[in-house]
Amino acid sequence: MAAAVANGLKKEQTQPNKCAVISGPTNPMVTPLLTDLYQFTMAYSYWKAGKHDERAVFDLYFRKNPFGGEYTIFAGLEECIKFIAHFKLAEDEITFIRSSLPPTCEDAFYDYLRGINCSDVEIYSIPEGSVVFPKVPLMRIEGPIAVVQLLETAFVNLINYASLVTTNAARHRFVAGKSKLLLEFGLRRAQGPDGGISASKYCYMGGFDATSNVAAGKLFGIPLRGTHSHAFVSSFLSPDEITDKSLKHHVGSSVCKDFVSLVKTWLNKLKGSRLLGGIFSETNQSELAAFTSYGLAFPGSFLALVDTYDVMRSGVPNFCAVALALNDLGYRAVGIRLDSGDLAYQSCEARKFFQTIEKVFGVSGFGKMSITASNDLNEETLDALNKQGHEVDSFGIGTHLVTCYAQPALGVVFKLVEINNQPRIKLSEDVTKVSIPCKKRCFRLYGKEGYPLVDIMAGENEPLPKVGERILCRHPFSESKRAYVVPQRVEELLKCFWPGSSDKTREDLPPLREIRERCIKQLEQMRPDHMRKLNPTPYKVSVSAKLYDFIHFLWLNEAPVGELQ
């Protein structure tokens, strides 16, 4: 009976295939050996039993949204497609596998391994950068069971962190607001080189504007940002160390032969100002030398770290003296970075200082000088700054962002849902771990206001949800949770990204910037109560009435019956 019902849930679709060259994985460590040993032991057991070519369907999904939220951003698909596009075991890899398995394994199995690739694997996926929810398949992988099993660990690895850190970035963006510049500064604190490279890519996807990571900038075209460290400031002793004091005017050919003296003149003007004189007296001269030197080196992009000695008594006045000197020569300084202390208070005081200079000296736009804040920022810090009130224009965020400090893993799983057209279910006393069987199609239903209302999973041969037609949406496991939905728009979620040997059309892999734009647009489409930080409303994930009945029929059919004595 299960087979008959399953066959009734199927539908074949064929379209002409598209071919395009796909480059290899970004990380050369992503090879067929990036897997758990039990994948190869299972592959051998499948082969030994003659089951290795049986057609299987696996769903890749997660069970719970991270960070106490009610949404997740799907990321990592491109790296999965790159992986399978080049999936081939090299001879030295097969030699290593042979040495790792028991000597009783037959030689013919290794000949089988030499011949496998992913030409008979099909992958259907939600597009990368989409907002996604628990239980809905992010990817559906179909193919010979032994081959697909060898993909499991790598796929879970490539999706888990990517989706987690993209979601973390999106949450930081949501709290910071659209108008703030977000900079990813996490490379030095990331979990190894790949953690750093991946974090930069996926934080950009999740809505960050730039990274300090030069390698990621080269690999992915992410804008780069950075200034100098405290070491640069403290490496100077006095302005006398600056040997080349000349700076060409930004417009024309005239040259200021003693930029250092011009800076000192401006510092004295600031000190003598009636409105500014009481804020500071003598500033740190080594800091002034460092800022002057940096201004000479980067007159068109001068941004100074101002908290090495004292923000308001030294850092900000020294910065302003250099910025005003640059202004005299036609340059516009960028601003300051705060890396310690009370960021809300310091940013407000610095802003007042800038605005006073604009008013007193008539320097247009000086009051709007950029203020960047760093110093172990996280989602809670951004929220607290918003509540206190601040004047920060951009945030540099590192440790808590790239390490996903608030939650270390997403918990992606890879479950068999069908083999040889027979649906399979994984049962558990914990109902959240019960899988949803058979090959499915997934849809997002939108309401009158344009917001997504519910995601629904249905068997392949079921009628497609239609705009304006009432659909019964059921919770997969709770009998009482159900609702009728009349969608105003219907979006099918799973698209073919790897057709294998079939003639189905393959979706293109868009560039990173397009994926980022998709992510931002999708987040804007979500209802605000699903997005809020405190007590967000859970988004509804459902199954069709027919699939609900089948799940529970299979559950009763597969669960052993106990006996009481």
Protein backbone atom coordinates (compact mmCIF):
# COMPACT_ATOMS: atom_id res chain seq x y z
CA MET A 1 0.00 0.00 0.00
CA ALA A 2 2.85 2.37 0.86
CA ALA A 3 4.33 1.86 -2.60
CA ALA A 4 1.00 2.61 -4.27
CA VAL A 5 0.55 5.82 -2.33
CA ALA A 6 4.15 6.84 -3.01
CA ASN A 7 3.76 6.24 -6.73
CA GLY A 8 0.70 8.46 -6.63
CA LEU A 9 2.83 11.25 -5.18
CA LYS A 10 5.18 11.39 -8.19
CA LYS A 11 5.43 13.55 -11.26
CA GLU A 12 8.11 13.69 -13.94
CA GLN A 13 9.28 16.94 -15.51
CA THR A 14 11.64 17.22 -18.45
CA GLN A 15 13.16 20.27 -20.10
CA PRO A 16 16.15 20.85 -22.35
CA ASN A 17 19.45 20.86 -20.49
CA LYS A 18 21.77 23.87 -20.20
CA CYS A 19 25.52 23.41 -20.04
CA ALA A 20 28.08 25.79 -18.57
CA VAL A 21 31.55 25.34 -17.20
CA ILE A 22 31.62 25.20 -13.40
CA SER A 23 34.87 25.90 -11.62
CA GLY A 24 36.18 23.71 -8.80
CA PRO A 25 35.58 24.27 -5.08
CA THR A 26 36.99 27.49 -3.62
CA ASN A 27 38.80 25.47 -0.96
CA PRO A 28 41.10 22.75 -2.38
CA MET A 29 40.48 20.74 0.80
CA VAL A 30 36.97 20.02 -0.50
CA THR A 31 37.60 16.64 -2.13
CA PRO A 32 35.79 13.26 -2.07
CA LEU A 33 37.82 12.48 1.08
CA LEU A 34 36.17 15.36 2.95
CA THR A 35 33.77 12.89 4.47
CA ASP A 36 33.28 10.54 7.41
CA LEU A 37 34.71 7.05 7.27
CA TYR A 38 31.28 5.50 7.66
CA GLN A 39 30.27 6.86 4.26
CA PHE A 40 32.87 4.58 2.67
CA THR A 41 31.98 1.63 4.88
CA MET A 42 28.32 2.05 3.88
CA ALA A 43 29.32 2.41 0.23
CA TYR A 44 31.16 -0.89 0.46
CA SER A 45 28.20 -2.55 2.16
CA TYR A 46 25.82 -1.24 -0.52
CA TRP A 47 28.19 -2.51 -3.21
CA LYS A 48 28.63 -5.87 -1.52
CA ALA A 49 24.86 -6.28 -1.28
CA GLY A 50 24.34 -5.21 -4.89
CA LYS A 51 22.36 -2.14 -3.79
CA HIS A 52 24.84 0.56 -4.76
CA ASP A 53 22.99 1.62 -7.93
CA GLU A 54 19.52 1.71 -6.39
CA ARG A 55 17.89 5.10 -6.92
CA ALA A 56 17.64 7.03 -3.67
CA VAL A 57 16.30 10.44 -2.67
CA PHE A 58 17.73 12.38 0.28
CA ASP A 59 16.53 15.66 1.80
CA LEU A 60 18.97 18.13 3.33
CA TYR A 61 17.29 20.38 5.89
CA PHE A 62 17.58 21.71 9.44
CA ARG A 63 15.27 21.31 12.41
CA LYS A 64 15.41 24.64 14.26
CA ASN A 65 16.20 28.25 13.42
CA PRO A 66 19.40 29.59 15.03
CA PHE A 67 20.03 32.41 17.52
CA GLY A 68 16.56 32.19 19.03
CA GLY A 69 15.10 33.61 15.83
CA GLU A 70 12.42 32.47 13.42
CA TYR A 71 14.25 32.57 10.09
CA THR A 72 17.44 31.32 8.45
CA ILE A 73 19.32 32.31 5.30
CA PHE A 74 20.28 29.42 3.03
CA ALA A 75 23.89 29.56 1.83
CA GLY A 76 26.57 27.20 0.53
CA LEU A 77 24.76 25.85 -2.54
CA GLU A 78 27.35 27.11 -5.04
CA GLU A 79 30.16 25.30 -3.23
CA CYS A 80 28.11 22.08 -3.22
CA ILE A 81 27.56 22.29 -6.98
CA LYS A 82 31.26 23.01 -7.54
CA PHE A 83 32.06 19.96 -5.43
CA ILE A 84 29.92 17.51 -7.37
CA ALA A 85 30.87 19.01 -10.74
CA HIS A 86 34.43 17.85 -10.05
CA PHE A 87 33.70 14.78 -7.94
CA LYS A 88 36.22 12.11 -8.90
CA LEU A 89 38.40 9.92 -6.68
CA ALA A 90 42.08 10.15 -7.58
CA GLU A 91 44.29 7.08 -7.47
CA ASP A 92 46.15 8.20 -4.34
CA GLU A 93 42.80 8.80 -2.62
CA ILE A 94 41.63 5.30 -3.49
CA THR A 95 44.94 3.94 -2.16
CA PHE A 96 44.33 5.74 1.12
CA ILE A 97 40.75 4.43 1.34
CA ARG A 98 42.05 0.91 0.75
CA SER A 99 44.50 1.33 3.63
CA SER A 100 41.71 2.63 5.88
CA LEU A 101 39.20 -0.17 5.27
CA PRO A 102 39.61 -3.78 6.45
CA PRO A 103 41.77 -5.98 4.19
CA THR A 104 38.74 -8.23 3.63
CA CYS A 105 37.19 -5.61 1.30
CA GLU A 106 37.28 -6.91 -2.25
CA ASP A 107 39.51 -5.36 -4.94
CA ALA A 108 36.55 -4.96 -7.28
CA PHE A 109 35.08 -2.35 -4.92
CA TYR A 110 38.05 -0.07 -5.56
CA ASP A 111 37.54 -0.51 -9.29
CA TYR A 112 33.97 0.65 -8.70
CA LEU A 113 35.22 3.71 -6.82
CA ARG A 114 37.51 4.58 -9.74
CA GLY A 115 34.50 4.81 -12.03
CA ILE A 116 32.05 6.84 -9.97
CA ASN A 117 31.13 10.49 -10.55
CA CYS A 118 27.99 12.59 -10.20
CA SER A 119 26.75 12.32 -13.77
CA ASP A 120 23.68 10.40 -12.59
CA VAL A 121 22.94 12.63 -9.60
CA GLU A 122 20.18 15.24 -9.66
CA ILE A 123 20.05 18.16 -7.26
CA TYR A 124 17.02 20.33 -6.62
CA SER A 125 17.53 23.25 -4.31
CA ILE A 126 16.09 26.44 -2.95
CA PRO A 127 18.15 29.28 -4.50
CA GLU A 128 21.07 30.46 -2.41
CA GLY A 129 20.38 33.61 -0.40
CA SER A 130 16.75 32.65 0.26
CA VAL A 131 14.99 32.95 3.60
CA VAL A 132 14.25 29.39 4.70
CA PHE A 133 12.59 27.54 7.56
CA PRO A 134 12.91 24.26 9.49
CA LYS A 135 11.83 20.93 7.96
CA VAL A 136 11.54 22.33 4.41
CA PRO A 137 14.17 20.65 2.21
CA LEU A 138 16.93 23.10 1.31
CA MET A 139 18.20 20.54 -1.17
CA ARG A 140 16.84 17.31 -2.61
CA ILE A 141 19.55 14.96 -3.83
CA GLU A 142 18.64 12.03 -6.10
CA GLY A 143 20.93 9.36 -7.47
CA PRO A 144 22.62 5.99 -6.91
CA ILE A 145 22.52 5.49 -3.16
CA ALA A 146 26.22 4.73 -2.71
CA VAL A 147 27.26 7.85 -4.63
CA VAL A 148 24.79 10.16 -2.88
CA GLN A 149 25.85 8.76 0.47
CA LEU A 150 29.43 9.82 -0.32
CA LEU A 151 28.18 13.40 -0.80
CA GLU A 152 26.42 13.66 2.55
CA THR A 153 29.14 14.83 4.92
CA ALA A 154 30.63 17.36 2.51
CA PHE A 155 27.21 18.81 1.72
CA VAL A 156 26.28 19.15 5.39
CA ASN A 157 29.67 20.74 6.08
CA LEU A 158 29.38 23.21 3.21
CA ILE A 159 25.80 24.24 4.08
CA ASN A 160 25.92 24.27 7.89
CA TYR A 161 28.41 27.04 8.61
CA ALA A 162 27.57 29.01 5.46
CA SER A 163 23.89 29.26 6.38
CA LEU A 164 24.65 29.92 10.05
CA VAL A 165 27.07 32.81 9.50
CA THR A 166 24.92 34.33 6.72
CA THR A 167 21.98 34.30 9.11
CA ASN A 168 24.15 35.83 11.83
CA ALA A 169 25.19 38.59 9.44
CA ALA A 170 21.58 39.23 8.41
CA ARG A 171 20.54 39.52 12.05
CA HIS A 172 23.31 42.05 12.73
CA ARG A 173 22.18 44.00 9.66
CA PHE A 174 18.57 43.99 10.86
CA VAL A 175 19.52 45.37 14.29
CA ALA A 176 21.99 47.93 12.92
CA GLY A 177 19.52 49.26 10.37
CA LYS A 178 19.73 49.81 6.62
CA SER A 179 21.59 53.13 6.82
CA LYS A 180 24.66 51.88 8.72
CA LEU A 181 27.82 50.59 7.06
CA LEU A 182 28.70 47.10 8.31
CA LEU A 183 32.30 45.91 8.07
CA GLU A 184 33.39 42.33 8.70
CA PHE A 185 36.64 42.32 10.69
CA GLY A 186 36.74 38.67 11.75
CA LEU A 187 39.67 37.04 9.96
CA ARG A 188 42.08 37.03 12.90
CA ARG A 189 39.47 35.44 15.21
CA ALA A 190 37.95 32.96 12.75
CA GLN A 191 38.33 29.20 13.07
CA GLY A 192 41.26 28.80 10.72
CA PRO A 193 41.86 30.14 7.21
CA ASP A 194 38.75 28.57 5.67
CA GLY A 195 36.60 29.84 8.53
CA GLY A 196 37.90 33.31 7.76
CA ILE A 197 37.44 33.10 3.99
CA SER A 198 33.97 31.56 4.27
CA ALA A 199 32.91 34.09 6.89
CA SER A 200 33.87 37.01 4.67
CA LYS A 201 31.92 35.58 1.72
CA TYR A 202 28.78 34.73 3.64
CA CYS A 203 28.74 37.86 5.82
CA TYR A 204 28.75 39.87 2.60
CA MET A 205 25.90 37.69 1.33
CA GLY A 206 23.99 38.35 4.55
CA GLY A 207 24.15 42.12 4.13
CA PHE A 208 27.57 43.34 5.27
CA ASP A 209 29.12 45.99 3.06
CA ALA A 210 32.84 45.21 3.15
CA THR A 211 35.56 43.07 4.73
CA SER A 212 39.09 43.55 6.00
CA ASN A 213 40.02 40.16 4.49
CA VAL A 214 42.23 40.81 1.44
CA ALA A 215 42.09 37.19 0.21
CA ALA A 216 38.29 37.23 0.28
CA GLY A 217 38.33 40.53 -1.59
CA LYS A 218 40.39 38.94 -4.35
CA LEU A 219 38.41 35.67 -4.47
CA PHE A 220 34.89 37.07 -4.31
CA GLY A 221 35.12 40.74 -5.29
CA ILE A 222 34.02 41.94 -1.84
CA PRO A 223 34.87 45.61 -1.14
CA LEU A 224 37.82 46.02 1.23
CA ARG A 225 38.02 48.38 4.19
CA GLY A 226 40.66 48.99 6.85
CA THR A 227 42.78 51.66 8.50
CA HIS A 228 45.66 51.15 10.96
CA SER A 229 46.21 49.52 14.35
CA HIS A 230 47.24 50.81 17.75
CA ALA A 231 50.74 49.53 17.00
CA PHE A 232 51.05 52.03 14.15
CA VAL A 233 50.12 54.89 16.48
CA SER A 234 52.48 53.84 19.27
CA SER A 235 55.36 53.18 16.84
CA PHE A 236 55.91 56.94 16.44
CA LEU A 237 57.67 59.13 19.03
CA SER A 238 57.27 62.66 17.65
CA PRO A 239 56.50 64.61 14.45
CA ASP A 240 60.26 65.12 14.05
CA GLU A 241 60.47 61.56 12.69
CA ILE A 242 58.57 62.55 9.55
CA THR A 243 61.21 63.24 6.92
CA ASP A 244 59.12 63.84 3.80
CA LYS A 245 56.73 66.59 4.87
CA SER A 246 55.50 67.64 1.43
CA LEU A 247 52.02 66.98 0.06
CA LYS A 248 50.71 67.93 -3.36
CA HIS A 249 47.43 69.83 -3.50
CA HIS A 250 44.53 67.61 -4.56
CA VAL A 251 43.68 69.98 -7.40
CA GLY A 252 46.42 71.56 -9.49
CA SER A 253 50.19 71.24 -9.20
CA SER A 254 50.94 73.32 -6.10
CA VAL A 255 52.72 71.60 -3.21
CA CYS A 256 52.57 72.17 0.55
CA LYS A 257 56.23 71.79 1.53
CA ASP A 258 55.62 71.43 5.26
CA PHE A 259 52.39 69.57 5.93
CA VAL A 260 53.55 68.88 9.52
CA SER A 261 53.62 72.60 10.30
CA LEU A 262 50.18 73.04 8.73
CA VAL A 263 48.82 70.30 11.03
CA LYS A 264 50.39 71.96 14.09
CA THR A 265 48.91 75.31 13.07
CA TRP A 266 45.45 73.77 12.95
CA LEU A 267 45.94 72.05 16.30
CA ASN A 268 46.81 75.40 17.86
CA LYS A 269 43.72 76.95 16.29
CA LEU A 270 41.57 74.23 17.80
CA LYS A 271 43.23 74.64 21.17
CA GLY A 272 42.70 78.41 21.06
CA SER A 273 39.06 78.21 20.02
CA ARG A 274 36.68 79.54 22.66
CA LEU A 275 34.23 76.66 22.04
CA LEU A 276 36.84 73.88 21.85
CA GLY A 277 39.66 75.04 24.11
CA GLY A 278 38.25 73.56 27.31
CA ILE A 279 37.92 70.06 25.90
CA PHE A 280 41.65 69.34 25.60
CA SER A 281 45.04 70.90 26.28
CA GLU A 282 48.24 69.15 25.17
CA THR A 283 47.63 66.15 22.93
CA ASN A 284 49.89 63.12 22.59
CA GLN A 285 52.62 64.06 20.12
CA SER A 286 53.46 60.51 19.05
CA GLU A 287 49.79 60.06 18.10
CA LEU A 288 49.85 63.34 16.21
CA ALA A 289 52.94 62.15 14.34
CA ALA A 290 51.25 58.85 13.46
CA PHE A 291 48.10 60.57 12.18
CA THR A 292 50.14 63.11 10.20
CA SER A 293 52.22 60.35 8.64
CA TYR A 294 49.10 58.36 7.77
CA GLY A 295 47.47 61.45 6.31
CA LEU A 296 50.51 62.02 4.11
CA ALA A 297 50.36 58.42 2.93
CA PHE A 298 46.59 58.35 2.34
CA PRO A 299 45.38 61.94 1.96
CA GLY A 300 42.24 60.91 0.07
CA SER A 301 41.14 58.17 2.48
CA PHE A 302 42.35 59.28 5.89
CA LEU A 303 40.63 57.39 8.72
CA ALA A 304 42.28 57.31 12.15
CA LEU A 305 42.01 55.00 15.15
CA VAL A 306 41.67 57.55 17.96
CA ASP A 307 41.58 55.58 21.24
CA THR A 308 45.27 54.65 21.72
CA TYR A 309 45.79 57.25 24.46
CA ASP A 310 42.61 59.27 25.10
CA VAL A 311 39.73 59.71 22.69
CA MET A 312 38.55 63.25 23.45
CA ARG A 313 41.67 64.77 25.02
CA SER A 314 44.02 63.58 22.30
CA GLY A 315 42.72 61.29 19.56
CA VAL A 316 39.86 63.37 18.20
CA PRO A 317 41.71 66.74 18.34
CA ASN A 318 44.78 65.23 16.66
CA PHE A 319 42.61 63.68 13.96
CA CYS A 320 40.79 66.96 13.38
CA ALA A 321 44.06 68.88 13.03
CA VAL A 322 45.21 66.49 10.29
CA ALA A 323 41.77 66.42 8.66
CA LEU A 324 41.60 70.23 8.55
CA ALA A 325 45.10 70.43 7.10
CA LEU A 326 44.08 67.96 4.41
CA ASN A 327 40.96 70.02 3.79
CA ASP A 328 43.15 73.06 3.09
CA LEU A 329 44.81 71.06 0.32
CA GLY A 330 41.55 69.93 -1.24
CA TYR A 331 41.25 66.49 0.42
CA ARG A 332 38.34 65.16 2.47
CA ALA A 333 39.17 62.93 5.44
CA VAL A 334 36.94 59.89 5.98
CA GLY A 335 36.60 59.86 9.77
CA ILE A 336 37.59 58.07 12.98
CA ARG A 337 37.39 54.61 14.49
CA LEU A 338 36.58 53.96 18.15
CA ASP A 339 37.76 50.62 19.51
CA SER A 340 37.21 50.80 23.28
CA GLY A 341 35.28 52.50 26.04
CA ASP A 342 31.73 53.84 26.02
CA LEU A 343 31.02 53.85 22.30
CA ALA A 344 27.67 55.64 22.60
CA TYR A 345 29.06 58.50 24.70
CA GLN A 346 32.31 58.84 22.76
CA SER A 347 30.57 58.87 19.39
CA CYS A 348 28.18 61.60 20.57
CA GLU A 349 31.03 63.70 21.97
CA ALA A 350 33.08 63.27 18.81
CA ARG A 351 30.10 64.28 16.70
CA LYS A 352 29.64 67.46 18.77
CA PHE A 353 33.35 68.22 18.28
CA PHE A 354 33.04 67.81 14.50
CA GLN A 355 29.90 69.93 14.35
CA THR A 356 31.50 72.69 16.41
CA ILE A 357 34.47 72.79 14.02
CA GLU A 358 32.13 73.07 11.04
CA LYS A 359 30.33 75.96 12.73
CA VAL A 360 33.41 77.81 14.06
CA PHE A 361 35.71 77.42 11.06
CA GLY A 362 33.10 77.17 8.32
CA VAL A 363 34.34 73.81 7.00
CA SER A 364 31.37 72.45 5.06
CA GLY A 365 30.43 68.85 5.83
CA PHE A 366 32.92 68.43 8.68
CA GLY A 367 30.12 67.78 11.15
CA LYS A 368 29.13 64.70 9.18
CA MET A 369 32.56 63.08 9.43
CA SER A 370 32.21 59.28 9.60
CA ILE A 371 32.47 57.52 12.97
CA THR A 372 33.25 53.79 12.96
CA ALA A 373 32.99 51.62 16.07
CA SER A 374 34.55 48.22 16.74
CA ASN A 375 35.56 46.35 19.96
CA ASP A 376 33.90 42.90 20.19
CA LEU A 377 30.52 44.10 18.99
CA ASN A 378 27.57 41.73 18.70
CA GLU A 379 23.84 41.78 18.12
CA GLU A 380 23.10 42.71 21.75
CA THR A 381 25.65 45.55 21.72
CA LEU A 382 24.11 47.04 18.58
CA ASP A 383 20.67 46.81 20.13
CA ALA A 384 21.91 48.49 23.33
CA LEU A 385 23.60 51.30 21.36
CA ASN A 386 20.37 51.95 19.49
CA LYS A 387 18.48 52.25 22.76
CA GLN A 388 21.09 54.54 24.34
CA GLY A 389 21.44 56.76 21.31
CA HIS A 390 24.73 57.06 19.40
CA GLU A 391 26.41 58.76 16.45
CA VAL A 392 28.14 55.74 14.92
CA ASP A 393 27.92 55.52 11.12
CA SER A 394 29.59 52.16 10.61
CA PHE A 395 30.37 49.11 12.69
CA GLY A 396 33.38 46.81 12.42
CA ILE A 397 32.32 43.41 13.75
CA GLY A 398 34.57 40.37 14.12
CA THR A 399 34.65 37.66 16.78
CA HIS A 400 30.95 37.30 17.60
CA LEU A 401 30.03 37.48 13.92
CA VAL A 402 32.40 35.01 12.28
CA THR A 403 32.59 32.48 15.13
CA CYS A 404 28.79 32.53 15.53
CA TYR A 405 29.52 32.87 19.24
CA ALA A 406 25.84 32.78 20.21
CA GLN A 407 25.29 29.38 18.52
CA PRO A 408 28.09 27.20 17.15
CA ALA A 409 26.14 25.06 14.64
CA LEU A 410 22.91 25.08 12.68
CA GLY A 411 22.24 21.34 12.90
CA VAL A 412 21.76 20.51 9.22
CA VAL A 413 20.75 16.88 8.56
CA PHE A 414 20.71 14.64 5.47
CA LYS A 415 17.93 12.03 5.52
CA LEU A 416 16.85 9.27 3.16
CA VAL A 417 13.23 9.86 2.15
CA GLU A 418 12.86 7.39 -0.71
CA ILE A 419 14.62 4.43 -2.34
CA ASN A 420 13.52 2.61 -5.49
CA ASN A 421 10.29 4.64 -5.40
CA GLN A 422 9.61 3.37 -1.89
CA PRO A 423 9.16 6.14 0.72
CA ARG A 424 11.27 5.94 3.86
CA ILE A 425 10.75 7.62 7.20
CA LYS A 426 13.05 8.11 10.18
CA LEU A 427 11.18 7.78 13.48
CA SER A 428 12.11 9.04 16.91
CA GLU A 429 10.59 9.50 20.35
CA ASP A 430 11.49 13.16 19.78
CA VAL A 431 8.92 14.23 17.20
CA THR A 432 11.16 17.04 15.94
CA LYS A 433 13.52 14.35 14.63
CA VAL A 434 10.88 12.48 12.62
CA SER A 435 11.60 12.94 8.91
CA ILE A 436 9.01 13.74 6.24
CA PRO A 437 9.06 10.90 3.70
CA CYS A 438 8.97 10.69 -0.11
CA LYS A 439 10.00 13.02 -2.91
CA LYS A 440 8.30 16.35 -2.42
CA ARG A 441 7.62 19.67 -4.08
CA CYS A 442 7.72 22.75 -1.89
CA PHE A 443 5.84 26.02 -2.30
CA ARG A 444 5.71 29.39 -0.59
CA LEU A 445 2.25 30.94 -0.38
CA TYR A 446 1.93 34.75 -0.22
CA GLY A 447 -0.93 36.80 1.21
CA LYS A 448 -2.70 39.98 0.15
CA GLU A 449 -0.10 42.27 1.73
CA GLY A 450 2.75 40.61 -0.17
CA TYR A 451 4.20 38.78 2.85
CA PRO A 452 4.85 35.02 2.81
CA LEU A 453 2.15 33.24 4.82
CA VAL A 454 3.23 29.61 4.88
CA ASP A 455 5.54 27.08 3.22
CA ILE A 456 3.81 23.88 2.16
CA MET A 457 5.27 20.51 1.12
CA ALA A 458 3.32 18.20 -1.17
CA GLY A 459 3.82 14.98 -3.10
CA GLU A 460 5.02 15.30 -6.69
CA ASN A 461 1.79 14.32 -8.40
CA GLU A 462 -0.49 16.49 -6.32
CA PRO A 463 -2.22 19.44 -7.99
CA LEU A 464 -0.12 22.59 -7.80
CA PRO A 465 -1.34 25.28 -5.41
CA LYS A 466 -3.11 27.97 -7.41
CA VAL A 467 -3.61 31.66 -6.80
CA GLY A 468 -7.06 32.36 -5.39
CA GLU A 469 -7.85 28.72 -4.60
CA ARG A 470 -8.27 27.62 -0.98
CA ILE A 471 -5.65 25.13 0.23
CA LEU A 472 -5.69 23.15 3.48
CA CYS A 473 -2.29 23.47 5.15
CA ARG A 474 -1.55 21.02 7.96
CA HIS A 475 1.20 20.87 10.56
CA PRO A 476 3.21 17.72 9.73
CA PHE A 477 2.75 16.15 13.16
CA SER A 478 0.10 18.05 15.12
CA GLU A 479 -3.45 17.05 14.21
CA SER A 480 -5.09 20.18 15.59
CA LYS A 481 -2.81 22.69 13.81
CA ARG A 482 -4.31 23.37 10.40
CA ALA A 483 -5.54 26.30 8.39
CA TYR A 484 -7.02 27.12 5.02
CA VAL A 485 -4.94 29.51 2.91
CA VAL A 486 -6.03 31.40 -0.19
CA PRO A 487 -2.70 32.47 -1.75
CA GLN A 488 -2.35 35.64 -3.79
CA ARG A 489 0.99 34.42 -5.14
CA VAL A 490 2.57 30.96 -5.28
CA GLU A 491 6.32 30.38 -5.54
CA GLU A 492 7.82 26.94 -6.13
CA LEU A 493 10.95 26.70 -3.98
CA LEU A 494 13.00 23.76 -5.31
CA LYS A 495 14.70 24.30 -8.65
CA CYS A 496 17.07 22.03 -10.61
CA PHE A 497 20.69 23.08 -10.10
CA TRP A 498 22.29 19.81 -11.26
CA PRO A 499 20.34 17.65 -13.72
CA GLY A 500 22.79 14.75 -13.92
CA SER A 501 22.16 12.69 -17.05
CA SER A 502 18.59 13.93 -17.40
CA ASP A 503 17.56 16.57 -19.92
CA LYS A 504 16.19 18.98 -17.32
CA THR A 505 17.16 22.63 -17.39
CA ARG A 506 19.89 23.62 -14.95
CA GLU A 507 19.56 26.88 -13.06
CA ASP A 508 22.52 29.23 -13.39
CA LEU A 509 24.74 29.93 -10.39
CA PRO A 510 24.46 33.70 -9.96
CA PRO A 511 27.39 35.90 -8.88
CA LEU A 512 27.80 36.71 -5.19
CA ARG A 513 26.42 40.25 -5.50
CA GLU A 514 23.18 38.95 -7.04
CA ILE A 515 22.82 36.42 -4.23
CA ARG A 516 23.38 39.22 -1.71
CA GLU A 517 20.69 41.32 -3.39
CA ARG A 518 18.33 38.33 -3.30
CA CYS A 519 18.97 37.87 0.40
CA ILE A 520 18.28 41.54 1.18
CA LYS A 521 15.12 41.54 -0.94
CA GLN A 522 13.80 38.35 0.64
CA LEU A 523 14.35 39.71 4.14
CA GLU A 524 12.45 42.87 3.21
CA GLN A 525 9.50 40.71 2.10
CA MET A 526 9.16 39.05 5.51
CA ARG A 527 6.49 40.15 7.96
CA PRO A 528 8.08 42.31 10.70
CA ASP A 529 6.84 40.13 13.56
CA HIS A 530 8.78 37.15 12.13
CA MET A 531 11.94 39.25 12.10
CA ARG A 532 11.89 40.97 15.48
CA LYS A 533 14.59 40.12 18.00
CA LEU A 534 12.33 39.59 21.02
CA ASN A 535 9.65 36.87 20.85
CA PRO A 536 9.39 36.64 17.05
CA THR A 537 6.28 34.99 15.63
CA PRO A 538 7.03 31.48 14.31
CA TYR A 539 6.64 31.12 10.56
CA LYS A 540 4.26 28.33 9.54
CA VAL A 541 5.64 25.26 7.76
CA SER A 542 3.03 22.77 6.61
CA VAL A 543 2.23 19.77 4.45
CA SER A 544 -0.71 19.10 2.18
CA ALA A 545 -3.64 17.10 3.54
CA LYS A 546 -2.67 14.17 1.32
CA LEU A 547 0.95 14.17 2.45
CA TYR A 548 -0.16 14.52 6.09
CA ASP A 549 -2.26 11.37 5.78
CA PHE A 550 0.60 9.51 4.13
CA ILE A 551 3.13 10.52 6.80
CA HIS A 552 0.94 9.16 9.55
CA PHE A 553 0.05 6.02 7.62
CA LEU A 554 3.74 5.28 7.10
CA TRP A 555 4.53 6.15 10.71
CA LEU A 556 2.02 3.58 11.97
CA ASN A 557 3.18 1.08 9.36
CA GLU A 558 6.88 1.34 10.29
CA ALA A 559 6.72 1.77 14.07
CA PRO A 560 7.01 -1.53 15.97
CA VAL A 561 4.01 -2.53 18.07
CA GLY A 562 4.81 -3.02 21.73
CA GLU A 563 3.50 -5.88 23.86
CA LEU A 564 2.61 -5.57 27.53
CA GLN A 565 2.77 -8.62 29.79
